[in-house]
Structure formats: C-alpha cells, structure tokens
Amino acid sequence: MATHSKRTPPQPDRPRLRSHGATPARAASAQSATPFAAAGDEALALGTPLVLDKSFRFDRGLAKRLRMREINETEAFTLRDATGVYFRASVKECDDRGGVAVAYERMNLSPESSVDIVLACAVLARQRMQFVMQKATELGVRRIVPLLTEHSVQADDLRAEQPHAWAGHIARAAKQCRRSSLPHLLEPQGLDVFLASPLLAATDLRFFLDDRSESLPPPGEGPKRIALFVGPEGGFSDDERQKLSAHARPWVLGGRVLRAETAALVGLTAVHATWGDFTRR
C-alpha cells in the first residue's frame, strides 16, 4: 500500500449538443471556487416512467446537464425514471431549450454507488493524478479532494501538472462507465484544512492507507458515507500520520508497498468489497 446480452443503441441522425462559450468541462470548472475544482451533479432523472423504444422529451435543465457530461452525437447517456429504474437512452435532437431522446436499454443494476465515498488523495504527478480521477469516477466516488501534503506535488508546482484537465477526465470516465451522476471535484487543499472541514465531519467511517501500522479497520455496521485518505509517493509524513490518527483509522492492505495511484484503486475496491457495491445483498 502506498504510503508512502445487451442491445446495440440505435444510431439515428443526431445533431451535436450545442454549447456556447466554454467547453463542458471548463464550464463546470468555471462554476466552482477555483479553476481546479468542478461542481458535482446528481444522477439524471425523469419525472415520468420510461418505455423502451419510445421517445420522450426533456427540458433545458437536463440538456445543460448532458453538456456537463460532454455527450455528443455518437454517444448515449444514463438516466433514472420515475419508478427508480435506470435506462440507457440516445439523443435524437437537442438544443439549449431541451430535446428528444429514446430509451433503448433497461439496466438491471444501478450504476450509482451504494455508499457515499469521499476520496482524499494527495496530488500526484500529471498522468498519475489523471488516472486517479478516472478510476475514482469509475468506482463511484462521490467527492474527490486533492490534498497538498509534504511529499505531494506542491502548490507552487500545481499548474504544471495540468489540474485544469481533471474535470474533463472525470466527465469522460463517467461516460465510459455509464454512470449517471458526476462526482464533485473540490479545490486542492492542505491536509489541515480538510481535516477541519464539515465534509469530513459528516462521514461515518474514515481511513487512511498506511504500511507502518498493525491496525486494521473494523467491519463497521452499514456506513453511509466513508472517507478514504491516500498518501503520495513516499507516504504521509510522521507529523501528517499523527494528525490523521486523530480523525481516521489506519488501514493496511497487504504487505506490499504500492504506488500511490495503485493504492487509490485498491483502497476503493476494498471499500466496495467490505461495505459497498461488491458485497452480497
């Protein structure tokens, strides 16, 4: 651990979802406090039941949210109908006022995570942090908190790692995994700031991945919101580990030292295997 048989969607002639000004990912970032943050978005939903192969209309609000997901004329999207069932649908026409789509597949399982996961990951070098953004999205993380730690990329060097591109990687990963919602990307912040935040205080269970501890997390009883801390290459410093221990439990995942981006992937998988989507229900 780092201390360190489905139907093919119809292909009607569909105009591109038009957006004026900034690209969808940058538009989402522009709504946030910093250029490196991006507002999250709940699962797309329709207030009426859907019928397979039958067209339905959607309003300008949903059209705007599709643009946040960078949906274009060759792609489908996921939404939930009034009965709580998720469907895959393809756009037939759309502009800034709304549009028309058709549902072509009923999903047997929800694409949304059964637990609310907050991933607080130390900022890694460019491609490695992009990997974390992608895989965290695919694994259903609800909020991503880039942490500035002693051994992470430093604040003065942040722009060189292209954090403005993180929101785009999140949007494209959400499309790829057929997720209906978008995770909330928070601005990069120091460990002390996040440890004192209301977001962390609202979680039920908190863990930090650590290879210098003998402790293991207890199973817990159906937590609703979990916070997982992942350190940079080289791990959290001794001072940071002491601070984390006051708020979270250490979690040892085997005897191997993993690269930081691997640890994030393994840690999220372990969360789902213990409390989330991979448990038997």
Protein backbone atom coordinates (compact mmCIF):
# COMPACT_ATOMS: atom_id res chain seq x y z
CA MET A 1 0.00 0.00 0.00
CA ALA A 2 1.17 3.44 -0.77
CA THR A 3 2.17 5.48 1.95
CA HIS A 4 4.02 6.27 1.16
CA SER A 5 -26.90 -9.62 -23.63
CA LYS A 6 -27.13 -6.02 -24.33
CA ARG A 7 -28.78 -4.29 -27.25
CA THR A 8 -26.83 -2.01 -29.55
CA PRO A 9 -28.05 1.57 -29.21
CA PRO A 10 -29.88 2.98 -32.19
CA GLN A 11 -27.90 5.33 -34.38
CA PRO A 12 -30.32 7.99 -35.57
CA ASP A 13 -29.11 11.20 -37.16
CA ARG A 14 -28.48 13.40 -34.17
CA PRO A 15 -27.17 16.94 -34.06
CA ARG A 16 -24.40 17.68 -31.63
CA LEU A 17 -25.44 19.09 -28.27
CA ARG A 18 -24.63 22.72 -28.74
CA SER A 19 -22.90 24.77 -26.10
CA HIS A 20 -21.84 28.37 -26.47
CA GLY A 21 -18.58 29.61 -24.99
CA ALA A 22 -16.51 27.32 -22.76
CA THR A 23 -16.25 23.59 -23.26
CA PRO A 24 -18.44 21.49 -20.90
CA ALA A 25 -15.60 20.52 -18.57
CA ARG A 26 -14.34 24.08 -18.35
CA ALA A 27 -17.87 25.40 -17.93
CA ALA A 28 -18.30 23.12 -14.91
CA SER A 29 -15.00 24.32 -13.50
CA ALA A 30 -16.00 27.95 -14.01
CA GLN A 31 -18.92 27.48 -11.61
CA SER A 32 -16.57 26.48 -8.80
CA ALA A 33 -14.39 28.46 -6.45
CA THR A 34 -11.12 27.79 -8.29
CA PRO A 35 -10.17 26.79 -11.84
CA PHE A 36 -9.12 23.40 -10.50
CA ALA A 37 -12.49 22.46 -8.98
CA ALA A 38 -15.65 21.22 -10.69
CA ALA A 39 -19.19 21.08 -9.38
CA GLY A 40 -20.69 17.63 -9.00
CA ASP A 41 -24.07 16.66 -10.42
CA GLU A 42 -26.65 14.21 -9.14
CA ALA A 43 -27.92 11.34 -11.25
CA LEU A 44 -30.00 12.39 -14.25
CA ALA A 45 -33.68 11.70 -13.60
CA LEU A 46 -37.01 12.00 -15.39
CA GLY A 47 -40.30 12.59 -13.58
CA THR A 48 -42.23 10.04 -15.65
CA PRO A 49 -41.85 6.29 -16.31
CA LEU A 50 -39.85 5.35 -19.40
CA VAL A 51 -40.91 2.84 -22.05
CA LEU A 52 -38.34 1.05 -24.18
CA ASP A 53 -38.07 2.30 -27.77
CA LYS A 54 -40.47 5.14 -27.08
CA SER A 55 -39.29 8.75 -27.45
CA PHE A 56 -39.51 11.20 -24.56
CA ARG A 57 -38.88 14.92 -24.25
CA PHE A 58 -36.51 16.54 -21.79
CA ASP A 59 -36.13 20.15 -20.71
CA ARG A 60 -33.30 22.67 -20.94
CA GLY A 61 -32.08 21.74 -17.47
CA LEU A 62 -31.36 18.16 -18.49
CA ALA A 63 -29.85 19.40 -21.77
CA LYS A 64 -27.42 21.55 -19.79
CA ARG A 65 -26.51 18.60 -17.59
CA LEU A 66 -25.85 16.45 -20.66
CA ARG A 67 -23.39 19.08 -21.85
CA MET A 68 -21.60 18.81 -18.49
CA ARG A 69 -21.10 15.13 -19.35
CA GLU A 70 -19.75 16.02 -22.81
CA ILE A 71 -22.44 13.96 -24.56
CA ASN A 72 -22.22 14.24 -28.34
CA GLU A 73 -23.99 12.83 -31.36
CA THR A 74 -22.31 9.42 -31.19
CA GLU A 75 -23.00 8.68 -27.53
CA ALA A 76 -25.77 7.60 -25.20
CA PHE A 77 -26.45 8.54 -21.58
CA THR A 78 -27.88 7.01 -18.42
CA LEU A 79 -30.90 8.32 -16.52
CA ARG A 80 -33.39 7.19 -13.89
CA ASP A 81 -37.13 7.27 -14.48
CA ALA A 82 -39.97 7.94 -12.03
CA THR A 83 -40.02 4.29 -10.91
CA GLY A 84 -36.36 4.39 -9.85
CA VAL A 85 -35.13 2.20 -12.73
CA TYR A 86 -32.08 3.25 -14.72
CA PHE A 87 -32.14 3.26 -18.51
CA ARG A 88 -29.72 3.88 -21.34
CA ALA A 89 -31.04 6.42 -23.82
CA SER A 90 -29.83 8.05 -27.02
CA VAL A 91 -30.43 11.63 -28.09
CA LYS A 92 -32.48 12.25 -31.21
CA GLU A 93 -32.40 16.04 -31.09
CA CYS A 94 -31.23 18.62 -28.59
CA ASP A 95 -30.51 22.32 -28.26
CA ASP A 96 -30.33 24.85 -25.44
CA ARG A 97 -34.13 24.64 -24.92
CA GLY A 98 -34.28 20.86 -24.44
CA GLY A 99 -34.65 17.88 -26.72
CA VAL A 100 -35.92 14.42 -27.53
CA ALA A 101 -34.34 11.06 -26.69
CA VAL A 102 -35.32 7.39 -26.83
CA ALA A 103 -34.73 4.75 -24.14
CA TYR A 104 -33.22 1.61 -25.67
CA GLU A 105 -31.99 -0.45 -22.68
CA ARG A 106 -33.26 -1.14 -19.17
CA MET A 107 -30.38 -1.53 -16.71
CA ASN A 108 -30.67 -4.40 -14.24
CA LEU A 109 -28.30 -2.81 -11.71
CA SER A 110 -27.92 0.77 -10.57
CA PRO A 111 -24.78 2.46 -11.95
CA GLU A 112 -24.59 4.61 -8.80
CA SER A 113 -22.57 3.60 -5.76
CA SER A 114 -24.39 2.10 -2.78
CA VAL A 115 -22.11 4.04 -0.40
CA ASP A 116 -21.12 7.69 -0.43
CA ILE A 117 -17.32 7.72 -0.80
CA VAL A 118 -15.09 10.74 -0.25
CA LEU A 119 -11.62 10.14 -1.70
CA ALA A 120 -8.94 12.45 -0.31
CA CYS A 121 -5.85 11.75 -2.41
CA ALA A 122 -2.52 13.54 -2.31
CA VAL A 123 -1.82 15.38 -5.57
CA LEU A 124 0.34 13.20 -7.81
CA ALA A 125 2.27 14.00 -10.97
CA ARG A 126 0.24 14.63 -14.12
CA GLN A 127 -0.72 11.25 -15.65
CA ARG A 128 -0.89 9.52 -12.30
CA MET A 129 -3.39 12.05 -10.93
CA GLN A 130 -5.40 11.82 -14.14
CA PHE A 131 -5.52 8.05 -13.58
CA VAL A 132 -6.85 8.60 -10.05
CA MET A 133 -9.56 10.95 -11.35
CA GLN A 134 -10.66 8.40 -13.95
CA LYS A 135 -10.68 5.33 -11.70
CA ALA A 136 -12.26 7.12 -8.74
CA THR A 137 -15.12 8.14 -11.03
CA GLU A 138 -15.49 4.59 -12.39
CA LEU A 139 -15.57 3.24 -8.84
CA GLY A 140 -18.44 5.51 -7.85
CA VAL A 141 -16.64 8.08 -5.69
CA ARG A 142 -18.98 10.94 -4.81
CA ARG A 143 -16.37 13.58 -3.92
CA ILE A 144 -12.68 13.87 -4.79
CA VAL A 145 -10.42 16.02 -2.60
CA PRO A 146 -6.89 16.66 -3.97
CA LEU A 147 -4.61 17.02 -0.94
CA LEU A 148 -1.46 19.12 -0.73
CA THR A 149 0.87 17.22 1.62
CA GLU A 150 4.56 17.31 2.49
CA HIS A 151 5.52 14.73 -0.16
CA SER A 152 2.87 15.55 -2.78
CA VAL A 153 3.07 17.96 -5.69
CA GLN A 154 3.37 21.38 -4.05
CA ALA A 155 1.03 24.32 -4.54
CA ASP A 156 3.65 26.33 -6.47
CA ASP A 157 4.10 23.44 -8.92
CA LEU A 158 0.40 22.62 -9.28
CA ARG A 159 -0.25 24.33 -12.61
CA ALA A 160 2.50 22.33 -14.32
CA GLU A 161 0.50 19.15 -13.64
CA GLN A 162 -2.50 20.43 -15.64
CA PRO A 163 -5.16 20.32 -12.90
CA HIS A 164 -7.48 22.22 -15.25
CA ALA A 165 -7.82 18.93 -17.17
CA TRP A 166 -9.06 16.90 -14.18
CA ALA A 167 -12.71 17.81 -14.73
CA GLY A 168 -12.56 16.58 -18.31
CA HIS A 169 -11.09 13.24 -17.25
CA ILE A 170 -13.92 12.87 -14.72
CA ALA A 171 -16.61 13.63 -17.32
CA ARG A 172 -15.18 11.18 -19.85
CA ALA A 173 -14.79 8.45 -17.23
CA ALA A 174 -18.42 8.93 -16.18
CA LYS A 175 -19.49 8.39 -19.80
CA GLN A 176 -17.31 5.32 -20.19
CA CYS A 177 -18.66 3.55 -17.10
CA ARG A 178 -22.29 4.52 -17.90
CA ARG A 179 -22.57 6.46 -14.67
CA SER A 180 -25.48 8.88 -14.40
CA SER A 181 -24.01 11.30 -11.86
CA LEU A 182 -20.78 13.32 -11.80
CA PRO A 183 -18.52 13.36 -8.74
CA HIS A 184 -17.76 16.70 -7.11
CA LEU A 185 -14.12 17.71 -7.53
CA LEU A 186 -13.04 20.01 -4.71
CA GLU A 187 -10.22 22.50 -4.95
CA PRO A 188 -6.73 21.30 -3.91
CA GLN A 189 -6.26 21.98 -0.21
CA GLY A 190 -3.92 21.32 2.66
CA LEU A 191 -4.42 18.33 4.94
CA ASP A 192 -5.15 20.55 7.96
CA VAL A 193 -7.90 22.35 6.04
CA PHE A 194 -9.65 19.15 5.06
CA LEU A 195 -9.30 17.56 8.49
CA ALA A 196 -11.19 20.55 9.93
CA SER A 197 -13.86 20.57 7.21
CA PRO A 198 -17.59 19.90 7.70
CA LEU A 199 -17.38 17.42 4.81
CA LEU A 200 -15.05 15.14 6.74
CA ALA A 201 -17.03 15.61 9.96
CA ALA A 202 -20.15 14.34 8.18
CA THR A 203 -18.60 10.96 7.32
CA ASP A 204 -19.38 7.81 9.29
CA LEU A 205 -16.06 6.00 8.83
CA ARG A 206 -12.62 7.41 7.99
CA PHE A 207 -9.48 5.53 6.99
CA PHE A 208 -6.01 6.37 5.75
CA LEU A 209 -3.96 3.80 3.87
CA ASP A 210 -0.77 3.08 5.78
CA ASP A 211 2.00 0.48 5.71
CA ARG A 212 3.53 1.43 9.05
CA SER A 213 0.70 0.29 11.29
CA GLU A 214 -0.58 -3.00 12.64
CA SER A 215 -4.14 -1.78 12.87
CA LEU A 216 -6.97 -2.98 10.66
CA PRO A 217 -10.36 -1.28 10.34
CA PRO A 218 -13.32 -3.00 11.97
CA PRO A 219 -16.08 -4.12 9.58
CA GLY A 220 -18.46 -1.39 10.67
CA GLU A 221 -22.23 -1.58 10.51
CA GLY A 222 -23.54 -0.30 7.22
CA PRO A 223 -21.80 3.09 6.98
CA LYS A 224 -23.49 5.54 4.64
CA ARG A 225 -20.52 7.82 4.00
CA ILE A 226 -16.86 6.79 4.04
CA ALA A 227 -13.72 8.92 3.73
CA LEU A 228 -10.56 7.30 2.37
CA PHE A 229 -7.19 9.06 2.56
CA VAL A 230 -4.44 8.06 0.14
CA GLY A 231 -0.96 9.49 0.52
CA PRO A 232 1.62 10.47 -2.10
CA GLU A 233 4.64 8.52 -3.23
CA GLY A 234 6.75 8.44 -0.10
CA GLY A 235 3.64 8.43 2.04
CA PHE A 236 2.27 10.77 4.64
CA SER A 237 4.95 12.26 6.86
CA ASP A 238 5.16 11.27 10.53
CA ASP A 239 3.55 14.57 11.50
CA GLU A 240 0.73 14.02 9.00
CA ARG A 241 0.20 10.46 10.20
CA GLN A 242 -0.17 11.75 13.75
CA LYS A 243 -2.75 14.29 12.62
CA LEU A 244 -4.63 11.69 10.59
CA SER A 245 -4.71 9.29 13.53
CA ALA A 246 -6.80 11.81 15.46
CA HIS A 247 -9.51 11.67 12.78
CA ALA A 248 -9.17 8.35 10.95
CA ARG A 249 -8.07 4.76 11.41
CA PRO A 250 -5.03 3.33 9.60
CA TRP A 251 -5.78 0.59 7.09
CA VAL A 252 -3.12 -1.90 6.00
CA LEU A 253 -3.85 -3.59 2.67
CA GLY A 254 -1.30 -6.40 2.49
CA GLY A 255 2.46 -6.45 2.88
CA ARG A 256 3.47 -4.83 -0.40
CA VAL A 257 4.25 -1.15 -0.88
CA LEU A 258 2.04 0.05 -3.73
CA ARG A 259 2.44 3.04 -5.95
CA ALA A 260 0.13 5.84 -4.85
CA GLU A 261 -2.25 5.56 -7.81
CA THR A 262 -2.41 1.77 -7.32
CA ALA A 263 -3.19 2.26 -3.63
CA ALA A 264 -6.12 4.54 -4.51
CA LEU A 265 -7.55 1.89 -6.83
CA VAL A 266 -7.02 -0.96 -4.35
CA GLY A 267 -8.35 1.07 -1.42
CA LEU A 268 -11.57 1.98 -3.24
CA THR A 269 -12.02 -1.65 -4.29
CA ALA A 270 -11.56 -2.74 -0.67
CA VAL A 271 -14.21 -0.23 0.44
CA HIS A 272 -16.70 -1.67 -2.04
CA ALA A 273 -15.78 -5.26 -1.12
CA THR A 274 -16.31 -4.53 2.58
CA TRP A 275 -19.29 -2.18 2.62
CA GLY A 276 -20.35 -1.26 -0.91
CA ASP A 277 -21.19 -2.50 -4.37
CA PHE A 278 -19.19 -5.73 -4.21
CA THR A 279 -20.85 -7.11 -1.09
CA ARG A 280 -23.54 -9.77 -1.43
CA ARG A 281 -27.00 -8.32 -0.97
